Protein backbone atom coordinates (compact mmCIF):
# COMPACT_ATOMS: atom_id res chain seq x y z
CA MET A 1 10.08 -4.46 -0.10
CA ALA A 2 6.60 -3.62 -1.44
CA GLY A 3 5.47 -7.23 -1.72
CA PRO A 4 6.53 -8.26 1.79
CA ALA A 5 5.14 -4.98 3.15
CA ALA A 6 1.77 -5.72 1.58
CA LEU A 7 1.78 -9.25 3.03
CA ALA A 8 2.79 -7.96 6.47
CA SER A 9 0.06 -5.32 6.45
CA MET A 10 -2.54 -7.89 5.47
CA ALA A 11 -1.28 -10.29 8.14
CA ALA A 12 -1.67 -7.46 10.67
CA ASN A 13 -5.15 -6.82 9.29
CA ASP A 14 -6.06 -10.44 10.09
CA GLN A 15 -5.41 -9.50 13.72
CA GLY A 16 -7.33 -6.23 13.49
CA LYS A 17 -4.31 -3.93 13.35
CA PHE A 18 -3.98 -2.90 9.70
CA TRP A 19 -3.87 0.86 10.23
CA GLU A 20 -1.60 0.68 13.26
CA TYR A 21 0.79 -1.53 11.29
CA HIS A 22 0.49 0.68 8.21
CA ASP A 23 1.35 3.81 10.18
CA LYS A 24 4.40 2.27 11.84
CA LEU A 25 5.62 0.76 8.56
CA PHE A 26 5.37 4.08 6.71
CA ALA A 27 7.19 5.82 9.58
CA GLU A 28 10.26 3.63 8.99
CA GLN A 29 13.27 5.42 7.54
CA LYS A 30 14.19 2.29 5.63
CA ILE A 31 12.19 -0.92 5.53
CA VAL A 32 14.32 -4.04 5.96
CA PRO A 33 13.16 -7.65 6.48
CA ALA A 34 13.55 -7.35 10.26
CA SER A 35 11.13 -4.39 10.28
CA PHE A 36 8.11 -6.63 9.77
CA ASP A 37 8.50 -8.81 12.86
CA ARG A 38 9.70 -5.90 14.99
CA ILE A 39 6.60 -3.84 14.21
CA ALA A 40 4.35 -6.87 14.76
CA THR A 41 5.98 -7.35 18.16
CA GLU A 42 5.57 -3.65 19.03
CA LEU A 43 1.87 -3.94 18.23
CA GLU A 44 1.62 -7.09 20.36
CA LEU A 45 0.43 -9.22 17.46
CA ASP A 46 0.51 -12.99 17.78
CA LEU A 47 3.91 -13.32 16.10
CA ASP A 48 3.54 -16.99 15.13
CA LYS A 49 0.18 -16.31 13.46
CA PHE A 50 1.61 -13.19 11.82
CA LYS A 51 4.53 -15.16 10.32
CA ASP A 52 2.24 -17.98 9.17
CA ASP A 53 -0.17 -15.49 7.59
CA MET A 54 2.67 -13.76 5.73
CA LYS A 55 3.51 -17.12 4.13
CA SER A 56 -0.09 -18.11 3.45
CA GLN A 57 -1.21 -18.84 -0.09
CA ARG A 58 -4.42 -16.92 0.60
CA LEU A 59 -2.65 -13.61 1.27
CA GLN A 60 -0.12 -14.23 -1.51
CA ARG A 61 -2.98 -14.70 -3.99
CA ILE A 62 -4.64 -11.49 -2.84
CA VAL A 63 -1.41 -9.49 -3.18
CA ALA A 64 -0.72 -11.03 -6.61
CA GLN A 65 -4.23 -10.12 -7.80
CA ASP A 66 -3.92 -6.57 -6.44
CA THR A 67 -0.55 -6.20 -8.20
CA ALA A 68 -1.99 -7.47 -11.48
CA ASP A 69 -5.01 -5.16 -11.19
CA ALA A 70 -2.75 -2.19 -10.47
CA GLY A 71 -0.58 -2.96 -13.48
CA ARG A 72 -3.62 -3.09 -15.76
CA ILE A 73 -4.61 0.46 -14.83
CA GLY A 74 -1.08 1.89 -14.91
CA VAL A 75 -0.18 1.94 -11.23
CA THR A 76 3.54 1.31 -10.93
CA GLY A 77 4.16 2.50 -7.38
CA THR A 78 2.72 4.26 -4.39
CA PRO A 79 1.36 6.73 -4.08
CA THR A 80 -0.33 6.88 -7.47
CA ILE A 81 -2.91 9.60 -7.74
CA PHE A 82 -5.93 9.71 -10.03
CA ILE A 83 -8.03 12.81 -10.54
CA ASN A 84 -11.47 12.04 -11.92
CA GLY A 85 -10.15 8.75 -13.29
CA SER A 86 -7.06 10.26 -14.95
CA LYS A 87 -3.61 9.43 -13.63
CA LEU A 88 -1.74 12.48 -12.33
CA LYS A 89 1.34 13.03 -14.48
CA GLN A 90 3.03 15.95 -12.70
CA ARG A 91 3.18 15.49 -8.95
CA SER A 92 3.59 19.12 -8.00
CA LEU A 93 1.15 21.76 -6.82
CA GLN A 94 1.10 23.15 -10.35
CA GLY A 95 0.56 19.66 -11.80
CA PHE A 96 -2.38 19.04 -9.48
CA GLN A 97 -3.90 22.39 -10.37
CA ALA A 98 -3.43 21.91 -14.11
CA GLN A 99 -5.05 18.48 -14.06
CA ILE A 100 -7.93 19.60 -11.86
CA ASP A 101 -8.51 22.58 -14.15
CA ALA A 102 -8.44 20.29 -17.21
CA GLU A 103 -10.96 17.91 -15.62
CA LEU A 104 -13.22 20.80 -14.60
CA ALA A 105 -13.09 22.20 -18.13
CA LYS A 106 -14.49 18.89 -19.42
CA VAL A 107 -17.67 19.31 -17.37
CA GLU A 108 -18.25 23.02 -17.93
């Protein structure tokens, strides 16, 4: 549901409610197609505009470009974390610490 979620968030952004939409979407236990319109309705977005924007070529091009850019730098999902330009490999407290220490050692 990542692609439709990106389109929905951008459609909400066109109505000035990106972060509100983002927060509600990420609070969902499971995102299903009906989630998008329901959240838009809860946020009192213009639902017809929202649906039209989700189908717009403009937003689809933006999402496609963002997806291509992410793929080029190794982002395969969210969240992806980079520390000083290096992709975090071990997403644990110890992994963070090890990578931060390695990056700090490069500048010392």
